């Protein structure tokens, strides 16, 4: 996935879960929201951690991958 797709997915998922929490509060289900709040916080924390810990591509990585493909095609 491209970084932009990851960011859009992260924002969309987080906004959807937050909106659902708002709907539950409006419906008077505050106990449900209180029970789900830790799960929401953990989800956001994991998404942010994953997005930030992506390794940067190395300049020689593409060249090594291409060499591996050529070896696999050898007779």
N, C-alpha and C. Protein backbone atom coordinates (compact mmCIF):
# COMPACT_ATOMS: atom_id res chain seq x y z
N UNK A 1 0.83 -1.18 0.00
CA UNK A 1 0.00 0.00 0.00
C UNK A 1 0.87 1.24 0.00
N UNK A 2 0.40 2.23 -0.69
CA UNK A 2 1.13 3.49 -0.72
C UNK A 2 0.84 4.26 0.57
N UNK A 3 1.76 5.13 0.98
CA UNK A 3 1.56 5.89 2.22
C UNK A 3 0.25 6.69 2.22
N UNK A 4 -0.12 7.23 1.08
CA UNK A 4 -1.38 8.00 1.03
C UNK A 4 -2.58 7.10 1.27
N UNK A 5 -2.57 5.89 0.71
CA UNK A 5 -3.66 4.95 0.93
C UNK A 5 -3.75 4.55 2.39
N UNK A 6 -2.61 4.36 3.00
CA UNK A 6 -2.58 4.00 4.42
C UNK A 6 -3.17 5.12 5.26
N UNK A 7 -2.79 6.36 4.96
CA UNK A 7 -3.30 7.50 5.71
C UNK A 7 -4.81 7.63 5.54
N UNK A 8 -5.29 7.48 4.31
CA UNK A 8 -6.73 7.59 4.06
C UNK A 8 -7.49 6.47 4.78
N UNK A 9 -6.95 5.27 4.74
CA UNK A 9 -7.59 4.14 5.43
C UNK A 9 -7.60 4.36 6.94
N UNK A 10 -6.49 4.84 7.47
CA UNK A 10 -6.42 5.11 8.91
C UNK A 10 -7.44 6.14 9.33
N UNK A 11 -7.52 7.22 8.61
CA UNK A 11 -8.48 8.28 8.95
C UNK A 11 -9.90 7.78 8.80
N UNK A 12 -10.18 7.02 7.76
CA UNK A 12 -11.53 6.51 7.53
C UNK A 12 -11.97 5.56 8.64
N UNK A 13 -11.10 4.63 9.00
CA UNK A 13 -11.45 3.67 10.05
C UNK A 13 -11.64 4.38 11.39
N UNK A 14 -10.73 5.26 11.72
CA UNK A 14 -10.83 5.98 12.98
C UNK A 14 -12.09 6.84 13.03
N UNK A 15 -12.40 7.54 11.94
CA UNK A 15 -13.61 8.38 11.90
C UNK A 15 -14.87 7.53 11.99
N UNK A 16 -14.87 6.38 11.36
CA UNK A 16 -16.04 5.50 11.40
C UNK A 16 -16.30 5.00 12.82
N UNK A 17 -15.26 4.56 13.48
CA UNK A 17 -15.42 4.06 14.85
C UNK A 17 -15.84 5.19 15.78
N UNK A 18 -15.24 6.37 15.60
CA UNK A 18 -15.62 7.50 16.44
C UNK A 18 -17.07 7.91 16.19
N UNK A 19 -17.49 7.91 14.93
CA UNK A 19 -18.88 8.25 14.60
C UNK A 19 -19.84 7.25 15.22
N UNK A 20 -19.48 5.98 15.18
CA UNK A 20 -20.34 4.96 15.79
C UNK A 20 -20.43 5.19 17.31
N UNK A 21 -19.37 5.60 17.93
CA UNK A 21 -19.41 5.90 19.36
C UNK A 21 -20.34 7.07 19.64
N UNK A 22 -20.31 8.08 18.78
CA UNK A 22 -21.20 9.23 18.94
C UNK A 22 -22.65 8.79 18.80
N UNK A 23 -22.94 7.91 17.85
CA UNK A 23 -24.30 7.39 17.67
C UNK A 23 -24.74 6.64 18.91
N UNK A 24 -23.87 5.84 19.49
CA UNK A 24 -24.23 5.11 20.71
C UNK A 24 -24.53 6.06 21.87
N UNK A 25 -23.74 7.12 21.99
CA UNK A 25 -24.00 8.10 23.05
C UNK A 25 -25.34 8.78 22.82
N UNK A 26 -25.62 9.14 21.58
CA UNK A 26 -26.90 9.79 21.25
C UNK A 26 -28.08 8.87 21.54
N UNK A 27 -27.87 7.57 21.40
CA UNK A 27 -28.93 6.61 21.67
C UNK A 27 -29.03 6.24 23.15
N UNK A 28 -28.17 6.84 23.95
CA UNK A 28 -28.22 6.59 25.39
C UNK A 28 -27.44 5.37 25.84
N UNK A 29 -26.57 4.87 25.02
CA UNK A 29 -25.77 3.69 25.36
C UNK A 29 -24.38 4.09 25.84
N UNK A 30 -24.34 4.92 26.87
CA UNK A 30 -23.05 5.40 27.35
C UNK A 30 -22.21 4.27 27.96
N UNK A 31 -22.87 3.27 28.53
CA UNK A 31 -22.12 2.15 29.10
C UNK A 31 -21.37 1.39 28.00
N UNK A 32 -22.01 1.27 26.83
CA UNK A 32 -21.36 0.59 25.72
C UNK A 32 -20.13 1.36 25.25
N UNK A 33 -20.27 2.67 25.18
CA UNK A 33 -19.16 3.50 24.75
C UNK A 33 -18.01 3.41 25.75
N UNK A 34 -18.35 3.41 27.02
CA UNK A 34 -17.31 3.31 28.05
C UNK A 34 -16.59 1.97 27.95
N UNK A 35 -17.31 0.92 27.59
CA UNK A 35 -16.69 -0.39 27.46
C UNK A 35 -15.83 -0.48 26.21
N UNK A 36 -16.22 0.24 25.16
CA UNK A 36 -15.49 0.16 23.89
C UNK A 36 -14.37 1.19 23.77
N UNK A 37 -14.31 2.16 24.65
CA UNK A 37 -13.29 3.20 24.56
C UNK A 37 -11.86 2.65 24.60
N UNK A 38 -11.55 1.71 25.48
CA UNK A 38 -10.18 1.17 25.47
C UNK A 38 -9.83 0.47 24.15
N UNK A 39 -10.80 -0.22 23.55
CA UNK A 39 -10.55 -0.87 22.27
C UNK A 39 -10.28 0.15 21.18
N UNK A 40 -11.03 1.25 21.20
CA UNK A 40 -10.81 2.31 20.22
C UNK A 40 -9.42 2.92 20.40
N UNK A 41 -9.06 3.20 21.63
CA UNK A 41 -7.75 3.78 21.89
C UNK A 41 -6.62 2.84 21.47
N UNK A 42 -6.77 1.55 21.73
CA UNK A 42 -5.76 0.58 21.34
C UNK A 42 -5.67 0.46 19.83
N UNK A 43 -6.80 0.48 19.15
CA UNK A 43 -6.80 0.42 17.69
C UNK A 43 -6.06 1.60 17.09
N UNK A 44 -6.36 2.79 17.56
CA UNK A 44 -5.69 3.98 17.04
C UNK A 44 -4.20 3.92 17.34
N UNK A 45 -3.84 3.47 18.53
CA UNK A 45 -2.43 3.37 18.90
C UNK A 45 -1.70 2.38 17.98
N UNK A 46 -2.31 1.24 17.70
CA UNK A 46 -1.67 0.25 16.84
C UNK A 46 -1.52 0.74 15.41
N UNK A 47 -2.54 1.44 14.91
CA UNK A 47 -2.46 1.98 13.55
C UNK A 47 -1.35 3.00 13.45
N UNK A 48 -1.28 3.91 14.40
CA UNK A 48 -0.24 4.94 14.38
C UNK A 48 1.14 4.30 14.50
N UNK A 49 1.28 3.32 15.36
CA UNK A 49 2.58 2.65 15.52
C UNK A 49 3.00 1.96 14.22
N UNK A 50 2.06 1.30 13.58
CA UNK A 50 2.37 0.59 12.34
C UNK A 50 2.76 1.56 11.23
N UNK A 51 2.04 2.65 11.13
CA UNK A 51 2.33 3.63 10.09
C UNK A 51 3.70 4.26 10.31
N UNK A 52 4.03 4.55 11.54
CA UNK A 52 5.31 5.22 11.83
C UNK A 52 6.50 4.29 11.78
N UNK A 53 6.30 2.98 11.95
CA UNK A 53 7.43 2.07 12.02
C UNK A 53 7.75 1.41 10.69
N UNK A 54 7.17 1.89 9.61
CA UNK A 54 7.47 1.33 8.30
C UNK A 54 8.90 1.68 7.92
N UNK A 55 9.69 0.69 7.54
CA UNK A 55 11.07 0.97 7.17
C UNK A 55 11.14 1.71 5.83
N UNK A 56 12.10 2.59 5.73
CA UNK A 56 12.31 3.31 4.48
C UNK A 56 12.96 2.38 3.47
N UNK A 57 12.55 2.45 2.22
CA UNK A 57 13.16 1.58 1.22
C UNK A 57 14.62 1.96 0.98
N UNK A 58 15.45 0.97 0.79
CA UNK A 58 16.86 1.22 0.53
C UNK A 58 17.09 1.30 -0.97
N UNK A 59 18.04 2.10 -1.41
CA UNK A 59 18.26 2.27 -2.85
C UNK A 59 18.62 0.98 -3.56
N UNK A 60 19.32 0.07 -2.93
CA UNK A 60 19.72 -1.17 -3.59
C UNK A 60 18.69 -2.28 -3.52
N UNK A 61 17.59 -2.07 -2.81
CA UNK A 61 16.60 -3.13 -2.63
C UNK A 61 15.94 -3.53 -3.95
N UNK A 62 15.62 -2.57 -4.79
CA UNK A 62 14.98 -2.89 -6.06
C UNK A 62 15.92 -3.70 -6.94
N UNK A 63 17.18 -3.36 -6.90
CA UNK A 63 18.16 -4.07 -7.72
C UNK A 63 18.31 -5.51 -7.24
N UNK A 64 18.30 -5.73 -5.93
CA UNK A 64 18.42 -7.08 -5.40
C UNK A 64 17.20 -7.92 -5.75
N UNK A 65 16.02 -7.32 -5.70
CA UNK A 65 14.80 -8.04 -6.05
C UNK A 65 14.82 -8.45 -7.52
N UNK A 66 15.30 -7.58 -8.38
CA UNK A 66 15.36 -7.88 -9.81
C UNK A 66 16.35 -9.02 -10.06
N UNK A 67 17.46 -9.04 -9.34
CA UNK A 67 18.44 -10.10 -9.52
C UNK A 67 17.86 -11.44 -9.07
N UNK A 68 17.09 -11.44 -8.01
CA UNK A 68 16.48 -12.68 -7.53
C UNK A 68 15.50 -13.23 -8.57
N UNK A 69 14.75 -12.38 -9.24
CA UNK A 69 13.83 -12.82 -10.27
C UNK A 69 14.56 -13.46 -11.44
N UNK A 70 15.68 -12.88 -11.82
CA UNK A 70 16.45 -13.42 -12.95
C UNK A 70 17.01 -14.81 -12.60
N UNK A 71 17.40 -15.02 -11.36
CA UNK A 71 17.92 -16.31 -10.98
C UNK A 71 16.83 -17.38 -10.99
N UNK A 72 15.64 -17.01 -10.61
CA UNK A 72 14.55 -17.97 -10.59
C UNK A 72 14.16 -18.42 -12.01
N UNK A 73 14.37 -17.56 -13.00
CA UNK A 73 14.01 -17.88 -14.38
C UNK A 73 15.11 -18.67 -15.10
N UNK A 74 16.20 -18.89 -14.47
CA UNK A 74 17.33 -19.57 -15.13
C UNK A 74 16.96 -21.02 -15.43
N UNK A 75 17.45 -21.56 -16.56
CA UNK A 75 17.12 -22.96 -16.92
C UNK A 75 17.84 -23.96 -16.05
